[in-house]
Amino acid sequence: FIFNQINDLIEKGSYEEYPLDYKLSVLKRQVDLMVQYKNEHRAILEARKHLAWYLKGLKNSKVYRQMSNSVNTLEEVDNLCRLILSE
């Protein structure tokens, strides 16, 4: 989605934000793919910084970023995404 936004900004001078549920589904897909290519522990450790990027600009993002720094499993990533969507 970020590349689509960049292209829109260049071509149209503006871009639309993607819905939060879409961004989080992309995030979960990215982490799922990382786990497939690496063991879960290593993938989650590397994904923590990506989580922070996806969460930037959200209401309560500071709290969510702090929580993302402590996730250790794919299940915890899913739980964090569900928590964010529920608020």
Protein backbone atom coordinates (compact mmCIF):
# COMPACT_ATOMS: atom_id res chain seq x y z
CA PHE A 1 0.00 0.00 0.00
CA ILE A 2 2.83 2.40 0.68
CA PHE A 3 4.04 2.19 -2.90
CA ASN A 4 0.53 2.91 -4.17
CA GLN A 5 0.42 5.97 -1.92
CA ILE A 6 3.79 7.18 -3.19
CA ASN A 7 2.66 6.76 -6.81
CA ASP A 8 -0.59 8.59 -6.09
CA LEU A 9 1.29 11.43 -4.40
CA ILE A 10 3.62 11.79 -7.39
CA GLU A 11 0.90 11.48 -10.01
CA LYS A 12 -2.06 13.18 -8.29
CA GLY A 13 -0.45 15.30 -5.60
CA SER A 14 -2.32 13.47 -2.83
CA TYR A 15 -3.13 10.00 -1.63
CA GLU A 16 -5.79 8.22 0.39
CA GLU A 17 -5.12 6.44 3.64
CA TYR A 18 -5.78 2.73 3.69
CA PRO A 19 -8.13 1.44 6.39
CA LEU A 20 -6.51 0.21 9.58
CA ASP A 21 -7.86 -3.32 9.18
CA TYR A 22 -6.20 -3.54 5.76
CA LYS A 23 -2.86 -2.29 7.09
CA LEU A 24 -2.96 -4.79 9.94
CA SER A 25 -3.83 -7.63 7.57
CA VAL A 26 -0.76 -6.71 5.50
CA LEU A 27 1.31 -6.62 8.68
CA LYS A 28 0.11 -10.07 9.74
CA ARG A 29 0.80 -11.45 6.26
CA GLN A 30 4.32 -10.01 6.36
CA VAL A 31 5.01 -11.58 9.75
CA ASP A 32 3.52 -14.90 8.60
CA LEU A 33 5.90 -14.92 5.64
CA MET A 34 8.86 -14.06 7.85
CA VAL A 35 8.00 -16.99 10.13
CA GLN A 36 7.89 -19.32 7.10
CA TYR A 37 11.44 -18.39 6.11
CA LYS A 38 12.97 -18.12 9.58
CA ASN A 39 12.16 -19.71 12.88
CA GLU A 40 9.38 -17.98 14.77
CA HIS A 41 11.61 -16.52 17.47
CA ARG A 42 13.99 -14.84 15.02
CA ALA A 43 11.18 -13.66 12.75
CA ILE A 44 9.27 -12.06 15.61
CA LEU A 45 12.37 -10.31 16.92
CA GLU A 46 12.99 -8.83 13.46
CA ALA A 47 9.30 -8.00 12.98
CA ARG A 48 9.13 -5.85 16.10
CA LYS A 49 10.58 -2.85 14.29
CA HIS A 50 8.15 -3.38 11.42
CA LEU A 51 5.28 -3.47 13.89
CA ALA A 52 6.31 -0.04 15.14
CA TRP A 53 6.30 1.33 11.58
CA TYR A 54 2.81 0.00 10.88
CA LEU A 55 1.53 1.49 14.13
CA LYS A 56 2.99 4.94 13.62
CA GLY A 57 0.37 7.65 13.70
CA LEU A 58 -2.37 5.60 15.35
CA LYS A 59 -4.24 6.83 18.35
CA ASN A 60 -2.40 5.40 21.38
CA SER A 61 0.47 4.40 19.09
CA LYS A 62 3.01 4.88 21.86
CA VAL A 63 1.29 2.25 24.00
CA TYR A 64 0.95 -0.12 21.04
CA ARG A 65 4.59 0.33 20.07
CA GLN A 66 5.64 -0.48 23.62
CA MET A 67 3.48 -3.59 23.48
CA SER A 68 4.93 -4.54 20.10
CA ASN A 69 8.41 -4.46 21.57
CA SER A 70 7.48 -7.30 23.90
CA VAL A 71 5.73 -9.71 21.52
CA ASN A 72 7.45 -13.08 21.27
CA THR A 73 5.09 -15.23 19.22
CA LEU A 74 2.92 -15.03 16.14
CA GLU A 75 -0.09 -15.47 18.40
CA GLU A 76 0.91 -12.38 20.39
CA VAL A 77 1.16 -10.39 17.15
CA ASP A 78 -2.36 -11.54 16.24
CA ASN A 79 -3.62 -10.62 19.72
CA LEU A 80 -2.07 -7.16 19.46
CA CYS A 81 -3.72 -6.60 16.08
CA ARG A 82 -7.09 -7.70 17.48
CA LEU A 83 -6.66 -5.37 20.45
CA ILE A 84 -5.88 -2.42 18.18
CA LEU A 85 -8.90 -3.12 15.99
CA SER A 86 -11.20 -3.45 18.99
CA GLU A 87 -10.44 0.05 20.26
